[in-house]
Amino acid sequence: MAEWLDPLLILALALNFGALGVSRIRAVVNVVAVQGILLGLLPLFLHGGIGVRGLLLVAVTVGMKGFGIPALLLHAMREVEIRHEVNPVIGFMSSLLLGAVGTGLAIVFARTLPLAPEHINTLIVPASLATVWTGFLMLTLRRKAIMQVLGYLLLENGVFIFGLLALEATPFLVEVGVLLDLFTGVFVMGIIIHHISREFSSTSMDRLSELKE
C-alpha cells in the first residue's frame, strides 16, 4: 500500500491550494475536512501492520479532523451568519502564488535534510512543510476569525504529517493528547468568534483594535 502514499500527499497539497484560492467559508471548511480525513488515513499506507494502537489513532483522527471539528466550525458560521471572506489582506491569486512559491521551497529544502533512507524519496516532509506554510498564510492573510481558525487547522495538519515519521515511536496517549488539544483550541476559538460577532456585529479580527484603551 506504500505506493499510494505519494499520490495521497499530492492530493493533500492540492487541497492546500483549494483552501487558499476560494472565498466561500463553507468551501474552505469542506476542503480542510477532506484533508483531515485523508491525513487520518495516511498511517494505513505508511506503516504496515500498525496494530490496534494505530487503528485507534486513525479512527480518532478521522472522526475529529474530518467530522467533529468541521461540524463545530459550520455551526459557528451559521451562528454569526457569514459566508465569504470578502476583504483579505492580499487577494486570492496572490495567496495562491505565495502558496506555490512556499511549496516549491519546501520541496527544495526537504532534500537538504538528513532523513532516514525510507523517507528520502517520499513527499512526507515536503507536504508537511508546505501545509504548515499554507496554514501560516491563512492565519496572517485572512481577516475573518473563522478563516484564521481554518488556517490554524491547516498548520496543525502539517505538523501531523511530519509526526507520521515517528508514528511507531510516539506513544498513543501523546498522539491523542495532541488531537484533544486541537479540539479544545478550536472549541475555544468558536466561543471567541461568537463573542466577537455579538459585540461588534462582525467577525473581522481588525475590530479587536477597538478593545484597546
N, C-alpha and C. Protein backbone atom coordinates (compact mmCIF):
# COMPACT_ATOMS: atom_id res chain seq x y z
N MET A 1 0.82 -1.22 0.00
CA MET A 1 0.00 0.00 0.00
C MET A 1 0.85 1.26 0.00
N ALA A 2 2.18 1.11 0.18
CA ALA A 2 3.04 2.28 0.25
C ALA A 2 3.04 3.07 -1.05
N GLU A 3 2.74 2.39 -2.19
CA GLU A 3 2.75 3.11 -3.47
C GLU A 3 1.65 4.16 -3.56
N TRP A 4 0.67 4.10 -2.66
CA TRP A 4 -0.41 5.09 -2.65
C TRP A 4 -0.06 6.32 -1.81
N LEU A 5 1.04 6.26 -1.08
CA LEU A 5 1.36 7.34 -0.14
C LEU A 5 1.60 8.67 -0.85
N ASP A 6 2.49 8.70 -1.83
CA ASP A 6 2.78 9.96 -2.51
C ASP A 6 1.58 10.52 -3.26
N PRO A 7 0.79 9.71 -3.99
CA PRO A 7 -0.43 10.28 -4.61
C PRO A 7 -1.37 10.91 -3.60
N LEU A 8 -1.51 10.31 -2.41
CA LEU A 8 -2.37 10.89 -1.39
C LEU A 8 -1.79 12.20 -0.86
N LEU A 9 -0.48 12.27 -0.73
CA LEU A 9 0.15 13.51 -0.28
C LEU A 9 0.03 14.60 -1.34
N ILE A 10 0.11 14.22 -2.61
CA ILE A 10 -0.10 15.20 -3.68
C ILE A 10 -1.52 15.75 -3.62
N LEU A 11 -2.48 14.88 -3.34
CA LEU A 11 -3.86 15.34 -3.18
C LEU A 11 -3.98 16.30 -1.99
N ALA A 12 -3.26 16.00 -0.90
CA ALA A 12 -3.27 16.90 0.26
C ALA A 12 -2.69 18.27 -0.12
N LEU A 13 -1.64 18.28 -0.93
CA LEU A 13 -1.07 19.54 -1.39
C LEU A 13 -2.05 20.30 -2.27
N ALA A 14 -2.77 19.59 -3.13
CA ALA A 14 -3.78 20.24 -3.97
C ALA A 14 -4.88 20.88 -3.12
N LEU A 15 -5.25 20.22 -2.04
CA LEU A 15 -6.27 20.79 -1.15
C LEU A 15 -5.77 22.06 -0.48
N ASN A 16 -4.46 22.17 -0.24
CA ASN A 16 -3.91 23.42 0.28
C ASN A 16 -4.24 24.58 -0.65
N PHE A 17 -4.06 24.37 -1.94
CA PHE A 17 -4.35 25.43 -2.90
C PHE A 17 -5.84 25.71 -2.96
N GLY A 18 -6.65 24.68 -2.76
CA GLY A 18 -8.09 24.90 -2.71
C GLY A 18 -8.48 25.81 -1.56
N ALA A 19 -7.82 25.63 -0.40
CA ALA A 19 -8.11 26.48 0.76
C ALA A 19 -7.68 27.92 0.52
N LEU A 20 -6.57 28.11 -0.18
CA LEU A 20 -6.06 29.46 -0.42
C LEU A 20 -6.83 30.20 -1.49
N GLY A 21 -7.45 29.48 -2.40
CA GLY A 21 -7.97 30.12 -3.60
C GLY A 21 -9.44 30.43 -3.62
N VAL A 22 -10.19 30.12 -2.56
CA VAL A 22 -11.63 30.36 -2.58
C VAL A 22 -12.02 31.28 -1.42
N SER A 23 -13.12 32.01 -1.61
CA SER A 23 -13.59 32.95 -0.59
C SER A 23 -14.74 32.38 0.23
N ARG A 24 -15.45 31.38 -0.27
CA ARG A 24 -16.58 30.81 0.47
C ARG A 24 -16.07 30.02 1.66
N ILE A 25 -16.50 30.42 2.84
CA ILE A 25 -16.00 29.80 4.06
C ILE A 25 -16.42 28.34 4.14
N ARG A 26 -17.66 28.03 3.75
CA ARG A 26 -18.11 26.63 3.79
C ARG A 26 -17.22 25.76 2.90
N ALA A 27 -16.83 26.28 1.74
CA ALA A 27 -15.97 25.51 0.85
C ALA A 27 -14.62 25.23 1.50
N VAL A 28 -14.06 26.22 2.20
CA VAL A 28 -12.77 26.02 2.86
C VAL A 28 -12.92 25.01 4.00
N VAL A 29 -14.03 25.09 4.75
CA VAL A 29 -14.27 24.10 5.81
C VAL A 29 -14.30 22.70 5.21
N ASN A 30 -14.98 22.54 4.07
CA ASN A 30 -15.06 21.23 3.43
C ASN A 30 -13.68 20.76 2.95
N VAL A 31 -12.88 21.68 2.43
CA VAL A 31 -11.53 21.33 2.00
C VAL A 31 -10.70 20.83 3.17
N VAL A 32 -10.76 21.55 4.29
CA VAL A 32 -10.00 21.16 5.47
C VAL A 32 -10.51 19.82 6.02
N ALA A 33 -11.83 19.59 5.96
CA ALA A 33 -12.39 18.33 6.43
C ALA A 33 -11.90 17.16 5.58
N VAL A 34 -11.91 17.33 4.25
CA VAL A 34 -11.43 16.27 3.36
C VAL A 34 -9.95 16.00 3.61
N GLN A 35 -9.17 17.08 3.78
CA GLN A 35 -7.75 16.88 4.07
C GLN A 35 -7.56 16.16 5.40
N GLY A 36 -8.39 16.49 6.39
CA GLY A 36 -8.30 15.80 7.68
C GLY A 36 -8.57 14.32 7.56
N ILE A 37 -9.59 13.95 6.80
CA ILE A 37 -9.88 12.53 6.58
C ILE A 37 -8.71 11.85 5.87
N LEU A 38 -8.19 12.53 4.86
CA LEU A 38 -7.06 11.98 4.10
C LEU A 38 -5.85 11.75 4.99
N LEU A 39 -5.53 12.74 5.82
CA LEU A 39 -4.37 12.60 6.69
C LEU A 39 -4.60 11.53 7.75
N GLY A 40 -5.84 11.42 8.22
CA GLY A 40 -6.15 10.40 9.20
C GLY A 40 -5.92 8.99 8.67
N LEU A 41 -6.09 8.82 7.37
CA LEU A 41 -5.92 7.50 6.76
C LEU A 41 -4.46 7.21 6.37
N LEU A 42 -3.61 8.23 6.36
CA LEU A 42 -2.24 8.03 5.89
C LEU A 42 -1.46 6.97 6.66
N PRO A 43 -1.63 6.83 8.00
CA PRO A 43 -0.86 5.79 8.69
C PRO A 43 -1.09 4.39 8.13
N LEU A 44 -2.27 4.15 7.55
CA LEU A 44 -2.55 2.84 6.96
C LEU A 44 -1.65 2.56 5.77
N PHE A 45 -1.24 3.64 5.06
CA PHE A 45 -0.42 3.48 3.87
C PHE A 45 1.06 3.62 4.18
N LEU A 46 1.38 4.22 5.32
CA LEU A 46 2.78 4.47 5.65
C LEU A 46 3.41 3.32 6.41
N HIS A 47 2.65 2.68 7.28
CA HIS A 47 3.20 1.61 8.12
C HIS A 47 2.36 0.34 7.94
N GLY A 48 3.05 -0.72 7.61
CA GLY A 48 2.35 -1.99 7.51
C GLY A 48 2.13 -2.61 8.88
N GLY A 49 0.94 -3.13 9.12
CA GLY A 49 0.65 -3.75 10.39
C GLY A 49 0.77 -2.80 11.56
N ILE A 50 0.04 -1.71 11.54
CA ILE A 50 0.18 -0.68 12.58
C ILE A 50 -0.46 -1.10 13.90
N GLY A 51 -1.24 -2.15 13.90
CA GLY A 51 -1.78 -2.67 15.15
C GLY A 51 -2.99 -1.90 15.65
N VAL A 52 -3.45 -2.32 16.83
CA VAL A 52 -4.66 -1.73 17.41
C VAL A 52 -4.44 -0.25 17.74
N ARG A 53 -3.25 0.08 18.28
CA ARG A 53 -2.95 1.46 18.63
C ARG A 53 -3.05 2.38 17.42
N GLY A 54 -2.47 1.94 16.30
CA GLY A 54 -2.52 2.74 15.09
C GLY A 54 -3.93 2.87 14.54
N LEU A 55 -4.69 1.78 14.60
CA LEU A 55 -6.07 1.83 14.11
C LEU A 55 -6.92 2.78 14.95
N LEU A 56 -6.69 2.80 16.25
CA LEU A 56 -7.40 3.74 17.11
C LEU A 56 -7.04 5.18 16.77
N LEU A 57 -5.75 5.41 16.49
CA LEU A 57 -5.32 6.74 16.09
C LEU A 57 -6.00 7.16 14.80
N VAL A 58 -6.08 6.25 13.84
CA VAL A 58 -6.76 6.54 12.57
C VAL A 58 -8.22 6.92 12.82
N ALA A 59 -8.91 6.12 13.63
CA ALA A 59 -10.33 6.38 13.89
C ALA A 59 -10.54 7.72 14.59
N VAL A 60 -9.71 8.00 15.61
CA VAL A 60 -9.86 9.27 16.35
C VAL A 60 -9.54 10.45 15.44
N THR A 61 -8.49 10.33 14.64
CA THR A 61 -8.08 11.44 13.77
C THR A 61 -9.14 11.73 12.72
N VAL A 62 -9.64 10.68 12.05
CA VAL A 62 -10.67 10.87 11.03
C VAL A 62 -11.93 11.47 11.65
N GLY A 63 -12.32 10.96 12.83
CA GLY A 63 -13.52 11.48 13.47
C GLY A 63 -13.42 12.93 13.84
N MET A 64 -12.26 13.35 14.39
CA MET A 64 -12.10 14.73 14.85
C MET A 64 -11.82 15.68 13.69
N LYS A 65 -10.83 15.34 12.86
CA LYS A 65 -10.43 16.23 11.78
C LYS A 65 -11.46 16.27 10.65
N GLY A 66 -12.09 15.13 10.38
CA GLY A 66 -12.98 15.06 9.24
C GLY A 66 -14.42 15.40 9.54
N PHE A 67 -14.85 15.23 10.79
CA PHE A 67 -16.27 15.41 11.10
C PHE A 67 -16.52 16.31 12.31
N GLY A 68 -15.86 16.04 13.44
CA GLY A 68 -16.16 16.78 14.66
C GLY A 68 -15.84 18.26 14.57
N ILE A 69 -14.59 18.58 14.26
CA ILE A 69 -14.17 19.98 14.20
C ILE A 69 -14.86 20.73 13.06
N PRO A 70 -14.96 20.18 11.83
CA PRO A 70 -15.72 20.88 10.79
C PRO A 70 -17.17 21.16 11.18
N ALA A 71 -17.80 20.22 11.90
CA ALA A 71 -19.18 20.45 12.33
C ALA A 71 -19.26 21.64 13.28
N LEU A 72 -18.28 21.77 14.20
CA LEU A 72 -18.24 22.92 15.10
C LEU A 72 -18.09 24.23 14.32
N LEU A 73 -17.23 24.22 13.31
CA LEU A 73 -16.99 25.43 12.54
C LEU A 73 -18.21 25.81 11.70
N LEU A 74 -18.88 24.83 11.13
CA LEU A 74 -20.10 25.13 10.37
C LEU A 74 -21.18 25.69 11.28
N HIS A 75 -21.26 25.16 12.50
CA HIS A 75 -22.23 25.70 13.46
C HIS A 75 -21.89 27.14 13.80
N ALA A 76 -20.59 27.42 14.02
CA ALA A 76 -20.18 28.80 14.32
C ALA A 76 -20.48 29.72 13.15
N MET A 77 -20.27 29.23 11.93
CA MET A 77 -20.54 30.03 10.74
C MET A 77 -22.02 30.39 10.65
N ARG A 78 -22.91 29.43 10.97
CA ARG A 78 -24.34 29.71 10.95
C ARG A 78 -24.73 30.70 12.04
N GLU A 79 -24.08 30.59 13.21
CA GLU A 79 -24.42 31.46 14.32
C GLU A 79 -24.08 32.92 14.02
N VAL A 80 -22.93 33.15 13.37
CA VAL A 80 -22.51 34.53 13.11
C VAL A 80 -22.96 35.01 11.73
N GLU A 81 -23.57 34.12 10.95
CA GLU A 81 -24.17 34.48 9.67
C GLU A 81 -23.16 35.12 8.72
N ILE A 82 -22.05 34.45 8.50
CA ILE A 82 -21.09 34.89 7.50
C ILE A 82 -20.91 33.77 6.49
N ARG A 83 -20.61 34.16 5.26
CA ARG A 83 -20.49 33.19 4.18
C ARG A 83 -19.18 33.31 3.42
N HIS A 84 -18.61 34.52 3.36
CA HIS A 84 -17.45 34.74 2.50
C HIS A 84 -16.38 35.53 3.23
N GLU A 85 -15.14 35.32 2.81
CA GLU A 85 -14.03 36.20 3.17
C GLU A 85 -13.96 37.25 2.06
N VAL A 86 -14.43 38.46 2.35
CA VAL A 86 -14.61 39.46 1.29
C VAL A 86 -13.47 40.46 1.22
N ASN A 87 -12.64 40.54 2.26
CA ASN A 87 -11.60 41.57 2.27
C ASN A 87 -10.30 41.03 2.87
N PRO A 88 -9.68 40.06 2.20
CA PRO A 88 -8.42 39.52 2.73
C PRO A 88 -7.31 40.56 2.68
N VAL A 89 -6.24 40.31 3.42
CA VAL A 89 -5.11 41.23 3.43
C VAL A 89 -4.52 41.39 2.04
N ILE A 90 -4.35 40.27 1.33
CA ILE A 90 -3.99 40.31 -0.09
C ILE A 90 -4.97 39.41 -0.84
N GLY A 91 -5.03 39.57 -2.16
CA GLY A 91 -6.00 38.85 -2.96
C GLY A 91 -5.76 37.35 -3.00
N PHE A 92 -6.75 36.64 -3.50
CA PHE A 92 -6.68 35.18 -3.53
C PHE A 92 -5.65 34.68 -4.54
N MET A 93 -5.51 35.37 -5.67
CA MET A 93 -4.50 34.97 -6.64
C MET A 93 -3.09 35.16 -6.07
N SER A 94 -2.89 36.25 -5.35
CA SER A 94 -1.59 36.46 -4.72
C SER A 94 -1.33 35.41 -3.65
N SER A 95 -2.38 35.02 -2.93
CA SER A 95 -2.24 33.97 -1.92
C SER A 95 -1.83 32.65 -2.58
N LEU A 96 -2.45 32.35 -3.71
CA LEU A 96 -2.09 31.12 -4.43
C LEU A 96 -0.64 31.16 -4.90
N LEU A 97 -0.20 32.33 -5.36
CA LEU A 97 1.19 32.47 -5.81
C LEU A 97 2.15 32.24 -4.65
N LEU A 98 1.85 32.84 -3.49
CA LEU A 98 2.70 32.63 -2.32
C LEU A 98 2.69 31.16 -1.89
N GLY A 99 1.51 30.53 -1.98
CA GLY A 99 1.42 29.11 -1.66
C GLY A 99 2.27 28.26 -2.58
N ALA A 100 2.26 28.59 -3.88
CA ALA A 100 3.05 27.83 -4.85
C ALA A 100 4.55 28.02 -4.59
N VAL A 101 4.95 29.25 -4.31
CA VAL A 101 6.37 29.51 -4.02
C VAL A 101 6.80 28.76 -2.77
N GLY A 102 5.97 28.81 -1.72
CA GLY A 102 6.29 28.10 -0.49
C GLY A 102 6.38 26.60 -0.68
N THR A 103 5.49 26.05 -1.50
CA THR A 103 5.52 24.61 -1.77
C THR A 103 6.80 24.22 -2.51
N GLY A 104 7.19 25.03 -3.49
CA GLY A 104 8.43 24.75 -4.21
C GLY A 104 9.65 24.81 -3.30
N LEU A 105 9.69 25.82 -2.43
CA LEU A 105 10.81 25.94 -1.50
C LEU A 105 10.82 24.78 -0.50
N ALA A 106 9.63 24.32 -0.11
CA ALA A 106 9.56 23.19 0.82
C ALA A 106 10.16 21.94 0.19
N ILE A 107 9.88 21.71 -1.08
CA ILE A 107 10.43 20.55 -1.78
C ILE A 107 11.95 20.64 -1.85
N VAL A 108 12.46 21.83 -2.15
CA VAL A 108 13.91 22.01 -2.25
C VAL A 108 14.57 21.84 -0.88
N PHE A 109 13.97 22.45 0.15
CA PHE A 109 14.56 22.39 1.49
C PHE A 109 14.55 20.96 2.04
N ALA A 110 13.49 20.20 1.75
CA ALA A 110 13.38 18.83 2.26
C ALA A 110 14.53 17.96 1.76
N ARG A 111 15.05 18.26 0.58
CA ARG A 111 16.14 17.47 0.03
C ARG A 111 17.44 17.67 0.79
N THR A 112 17.54 18.73 1.56
CA THR A 112 18.77 19.01 2.30
C THR A 112 18.76 18.41 3.70
N LEU A 113 17.64 17.84 4.13
CA LEU A 113 17.52 17.32 5.48
C LEU A 113 18.07 15.90 5.58
N PRO A 114 18.68 15.55 6.69
CA PRO A 114 19.21 14.19 6.89
C PRO A 114 18.11 13.23 7.32
N LEU A 115 17.37 12.71 6.35
CA LEU A 115 16.24 11.85 6.64
C LEU A 115 16.65 10.38 6.63
N ALA A 116 15.81 9.56 7.24
CA ALA A 116 16.03 8.11 7.17
C ALA A 116 15.90 7.64 5.72
N PRO A 117 16.62 6.60 5.34
CA PRO A 117 16.61 6.16 3.94
C PRO A 117 15.21 5.89 3.39
N GLU A 118 14.32 5.33 4.22
CA GLU A 118 12.98 5.00 3.72
C GLU A 118 12.11 6.24 3.50
N HIS A 119 12.55 7.41 3.99
CA HIS A 119 11.75 8.62 3.85
C HIS A 119 12.32 9.61 2.84
N ILE A 120 13.51 9.32 2.33
CA ILE A 120 14.17 10.28 1.44
C ILE A 120 13.37 10.49 0.16
N ASN A 121 12.83 9.44 -0.40
CA ASN A 121 12.16 9.54 -1.69
C ASN A 121 10.64 9.68 -1.57
N THR A 122 10.16 10.08 -0.42
CA THR A 122 8.72 10.31 -0.25
C THR A 122 8.45 11.80 -0.13
N LEU A 123 7.18 12.16 -0.20
CA LEU A 123 6.76 13.56 -0.11
C LEU A 123 6.30 13.94 1.30
N ILE A 124 6.62 13.11 2.29
CA ILE A 124 6.12 13.39 3.64
C ILE A 124 6.62 14.74 4.14
N VAL A 125 7.93 14.95 4.11
CA VAL A 125 8.48 16.20 4.64
C VAL A 125 8.09 17.40 3.78
N PRO A 126 8.20 17.35 2.43
CA PRO A 126 7.74 18.49 1.64
C PRO A 126 6.26 18.82 1.86
N ALA A 127 5.42 17.79 1.94
CA ALA A 127 3.99 18.03 2.16
C ALA A 127 3.75 18.64 3.53
N SER A 128 4.51 18.19 4.52
CA SER A 128 4.38 18.74 5.86
C SER A 128 4.74 20.22 5.88
N LEU A 129 5.90 20.57 5.34
CA LEU A 129 6.35 21.96 5.36
C LEU A 129 5.42 22.85 4.54
N ALA A 130 4.97 22.36 3.39
CA ALA A 130 4.07 23.15 2.54
C ALA A 130 2.72 23.39 3.22
N THR A 131 2.22 22.39 3.96
CA THR A 131 0.94 22.55 4.64
C THR A 131 1.06 23.51 5.81
N VAL A 132 2.18 23.45 6.54
CA VAL A 132 2.42 24.43 7.60
C VAL A 132 2.47 25.84 7.02
N TRP A 133 3.13 26.00 5.88
CA TRP A 133 3.21 27.31 5.22
C TRP A 133 1.83 27.79 4.80
N THR A 134 1.01 26.90 4.27
CA THR A 134 -0.34 27.27 3.87
C THR A 134 -1.16 27.74 5.07
N GLY A 135 -1.05 27.01 6.18
CA GLY A 135 -1.75 27.42 7.39
C GLY A 135 -1.29 28.78 7.88
N PHE A 136 0.02 29.04 7.81
CA PHE A 136 0.55 30.33 8.21
C PHE A 136 -0.01 31.45 7.33
N LEU A 137 -0.11 31.19 6.03
CA LEU A 137 -0.69 32.19 5.12
C LEU A 137 -2.14 32.48 5.48
N MET A 138 -2.90 31.43 5.77
CA MET A 138 -4.30 31.62 6.14
C MET A 138 -4.42 32.43 7.43
N LEU A 139 -3.55 32.15 8.37
CA LEU A 139 -3.59 32.87 9.65
C LEU A 139 -3.29 34.35 9.50
N THR A 140 -2.39 34.68 8.60
CA THR A 140 -1.91 36.06 8.50
C THR A 140 -2.59 36.88 7.41
N LEU A 141 -3.17 36.21 6.40
CA LEU A 141 -3.70 36.95 5.26
C LEU A 141 -5.23 37.00 5.22
N ARG A 142 -5.89 36.37 6.15
CA ARG A 142 -7.35 36.40 6.20
C ARG A 142 -7.80 37.21 7.41
N ARG A 143 -8.91 37.92 7.25
CA ARG A 143 -9.39 38.80 8.32
C ARG A 143 -10.49 38.14 9.16
N LYS A 144 -11.29 37.26 8.56
CA LYS A 144 -12.37 36.64 9.30
C LYS A 144 -11.82 35.63 10.29
N ALA A 145 -12.38 35.65 11.50
CA ALA A 145 -11.87 34.78 12.56
C ALA A 145 -11.99 33.30 12.18
N ILE A 146 -13.09 32.92 11.53
CA ILE A 146 -13.26 31.51 11.16
C ILE A 146 -12.19 31.08 10.17
N MET A 147 -11.85 31.96 9.22
CA MET A 147 -10.81 31.62 8.26
C MET A 147 -9.46 31.46 8.97
N GLN A 148 -9.22 32.26 10.00
CA GLN A 148 -7.98 32.11 10.74
C GLN A 148 -7.95 30.81 11.54
N VAL A 149 -9.10 30.40 12.05
CA VAL A 149 -9.19 29.10 12.71
C VAL A 149 -8.86 27.99 11.72
N LEU A 150 -9.36 28.12 10.51
CA LEU A 150 -9.07 27.13 9.47
C LEU A 150 -7.58 27.12 9.14
N GLY A 151 -6.96 28.30 9.16
CA GLY A 151 -5.51 28.35 8.98
C GLY A 151 -4.77 27.61 10.08
N TYR A 152 -5.26 27.77 11.30
CA TYR A 152 -4.67 27.03 12.44
C TYR A 152 -4.80 25.53 12.22
N LEU A 153 -5.94 25.09 11.70
CA LEU A 153 -6.13 23.66 11.45
C LEU A 153 -5.18 23.16 10.36
N LEU A 154 -5.00 23.96 9.30
CA LEU A 154 -4.07 23.56 8.26
C LEU A 154 -2.64 23.47 8.80
N LEU A 155 -2.27 24.44 9.63
CA LEU A 155 -0.94 24.39 10.22
C LEU A 155 -0.76 23.13 11.05
N GLU A 156 -1.77 22.77 11.83
CA GLU A 156 -1.70 21.55 12.63
C GLU A 156 -1.66 20.31 11.74
N ASN A 157 -2.35 20.35 10.60
CA ASN A 157 -2.29 19.23 9.66
C ASN A 157 -0.86 19.01 9.18
N GLY A 158 -0.14 20.11 8.93
CA GLY A 158 1.25 19.98 8.52
C GLY A 158 2.11 19.34 9.60
N VAL A 159 1.89 19.74 10.85
CA VAL A 159 2.61 19.12 11.97
C VAL A 159 2.26 17.64 12.08
N PHE A 160 0.99 17.32 11.85
CA PHE A 160 0.54 15.92 11.91
C PHE A 160 1.25 15.08 10.85
N ILE A 161 1.37 15.61 9.64
CA ILE A 161 2.06 14.86 8.57
C ILE A 161 3.50 14.57 8.98
N PHE A 162 4.17 15.57 9.52
CA PHE A 162 5.56 15.36 9.94
C PHE A 162 5.64 14.32 11.05
N GLY A 163 4.65 14.31 11.94
CA GLY A 163 4.64 13.36 13.03
C GLY A 163 4.49 11.92 12.58
N LEU A 164 4.02 11.71 11.33
CA LEU A 164 3.88 10.35 10.82
C LEU A 164 5.23 9.66 10.70
N LEU A 165 6.31 10.46 10.60
CA LEU A 165 7.64 9.86 10.50
C LEU A 165 7.99 9.08 11.77
N ALA A 166 7.40 9.48 12.89
CA ALA A 166 7.72 8.83 14.17
C ALA A 166 6.51 8.14 14.77
N LEU A 167 5.60 7.70 13.93
CA LEU A 167 4.36 7.11 14.42
C LEU A 167 4.63 5.90 15.32
N GLU A 168 5.57 5.07 14.92
CA GLU A 168 5.81 3.85 15.68
C GLU A 168 6.50 4.13 17.01
N ALA A 169 7.19 5.28 17.11
CA ALA A 169 7.93 5.58 18.34
C ALA A 169 7.17 6.49 19.30
N THR A 170 6.07 7.09 18.83
CA THR A 170 5.34 8.05 19.65
C THR A 170 4.23 7.33 20.40
N PRO A 171 4.17 7.47 21.72
CA PRO A 171 3.11 6.81 22.48
C PRO A 171 1.73 7.27 22.03
N PHE A 172 0.79 6.34 22.06
CA PHE A 172 -0.58 6.63 21.60
C PHE A 172 -1.21 7.75 22.42
N LEU A 173 -0.98 7.76 23.73
CA LEU A 173 -1.60 8.78 24.57
C LEU A 173 -1.11 10.17 24.21
N VAL A 174 0.16 10.29 23.81
CA VAL A 174 0.67 11.59 23.39
C VAL A 174 -0.02 12.04 22.11
N GLU A 175 -0.19 11.11 21.16
CA GLU A 175 -0.84 11.44 19.89
C GLU A 175 -2.28 11.89 20.12
N VAL A 176 -3.02 11.16 20.94
CA VAL A 176 -4.39 11.53 21.23
C VAL A 176 -4.44 12.84 22.01
N GLY A 177 -3.45 13.05 22.89
CA GLY A 177 -3.40 14.30 23.62
C GLY A 177 -3.26 15.50 22.71
N VAL A 178 -2.46 15.36 21.65
CA VAL A 178 -2.32 16.44 20.68
C VAL A 178 -3.65 16.71 19.99
N LEU A 179 -4.36 15.65 19.61
CA LEU A 179 -5.65 15.83 18.96
C LEU A 179 -6.66 16.49 19.91
N LEU A 180 -6.63 16.11 21.17
CA LEU A 180 -7.55 16.73 22.14
C LEU A 180 -7.21 18.20 22.34
N ASP A 181 -5.92 18.53 22.34
CA ASP A 181 -5.53 19.94 22.43
C ASP A 181 -6.06 20.72 21.23
N LEU A 182 -5.98 20.10 20.05
CA LEU A 182 -6.51 20.73 18.85
C LEU A 182 -8.01 20.96 18.98
N PHE A 183 -8.73 19.95 19.42
CA PHE A 183 -10.18 20.05 19.59
C PHE A 183 -10.52 21.16 20.58
N THR A 184 -9.79 21.22 21.70
CA THR A 184 -10.04 22.25 22.70
C THR A 184 -9.76 23.64 22.15
N GLY A 185 -8.65 23.76 21.38
CA GLY A 185 -8.33 25.05 20.79
C GLY A 185 -9.41 25.56 19.86
N VAL A 186 -9.92 24.67 19.01
CA VAL A 186 -10.98 25.06 18.08
C VAL A 186 -12.26 25.40 18.84
N PHE A 187 -12.56 24.65 19.89
CA PHE A 187 -13.76 24.93 20.69
C PHE A 187 -13.67 26.32 21.31
N VAL A 188 -12.50 26.66 21.88
CA VAL A 188 -12.33 27.98 22.48
C VAL A 188 -12.42 29.06 21.42
N MET A 189 -11.82 28.82 20.26
CA MET A 189 -11.89 29.80 19.18
C MET A 189 -13.32 30.04 18.73
N GLY A 190 -14.13 28.97 18.73
CA GLY A 190 -15.54 29.12 18.38
C GLY A 190 -16.27 30.03 19.35
N ILE A 191 -15.96 29.90 20.64
CA ILE A 191 -16.56 30.78 21.64
C ILE A 191 -16.13 32.22 21.40
N ILE A 192 -14.84 32.42 21.11
CA ILE A 192 -14.34 33.77 20.85
C ILE A 192 -15.03 34.38 19.64
N ILE A 193 -15.19 33.58 18.57
CA ILE A 193 -15.87 34.07 17.37
C ILE A 193 -17.28 34.53 17.71
N HIS A 194 -17.98 33.74 18.52
CA HIS A 194 -19.35 34.09 18.90
C HIS A 194 -19.38 35.42 19.63
N HIS A 195 -18.45 35.63 20.56
CA HIS A 195 -18.47 36.87 21.34
C HIS A 195 -18.05 38.08 20.50
N ILE A 196 -17.10 37.87 19.58
CA ILE A 196 -16.73 38.97 18.67
C ILE A 196 -17.93 39.38 17.84
N SER A 197 -18.65 38.41 17.31
CA SER A 197 -19.83 38.71 16.49
C SER A 197 -20.90 39.41 17.31
N ARG A 198 -21.10 38.98 18.54
CA ARG A 198 -22.15 39.57 19.37
C ARG A 198 -21.83 41.03 19.73
N GLU A 199 -20.56 41.33 19.99
CA GLU A 199 -20.18 42.67 20.42
C GLU A 199 -20.04 43.65 19.27
N PHE A 200 -19.55 43.17 18.11
CA PHE A 200 -19.21 44.07 17.03
C PHE A 200 -20.03 43.85 15.76
N SER A 201 -20.92 42.86 15.76
CA SER A 201 -21.69 42.52 14.55
C SER A 201 -20.77 42.25 13.37
N SER A 202 -19.62 41.68 13.65
CA SER A 202 -18.63 41.36 12.62
C SER A 202 -17.69 40.31 13.20
N THR A 203 -17.07 39.53 12.32
CA THR A 203 -16.06 38.57 12.77
C THR A 203 -14.68 38.92 12.23
N SER A 204 -14.51 40.16 11.77
CA SER A 204 -13.19 40.59 11.33
C SER A 204 -12.30 40.83 12.53
N MET A 205 -11.09 40.26 12.51
CA MET A 205 -10.17 40.42 13.62
C MET A 205 -9.68 41.85 13.73
N ASP A 206 -9.85 42.66 12.70
CA ASP A 206 -9.46 44.07 12.78
C ASP A 206 -10.25 44.82 13.84
N ARG A 207 -11.48 44.34 14.11
CA ARG A 207 -12.32 45.03 15.08
C ARG A 207 -11.79 44.89 16.51
N LEU A 208 -10.86 43.94 16.73
CA LEU A 208 -10.31 43.78 18.07
C LEU A 208 -9.47 44.99 18.49
N SER A 209 -9.05 45.80 17.52
CA SER A 209 -8.31 47.01 17.88
C SER A 209 -9.16 47.97 18.68
N GLU A 210 -10.51 47.84 18.61
CA GLU A 210 -11.39 48.71 19.35
C GLU A 210 -11.39 48.39 20.84
N LEU A 211 -10.79 47.25 21.22
CA LEU A 211 -10.74 46.88 22.63
C LEU A 211 -9.62 47.58 23.37
N LYS A 212 -8.74 48.26 22.65
CA LYS A 212 -7.62 48.96 23.29
C LYS A 212 -8.14 50.15 24.07
N GLU A 213 -7.48 50.46 25.17
CA GLU A 213 -7.87 51.62 25.97
C GLU A 213 -7.49 52.91 25.28
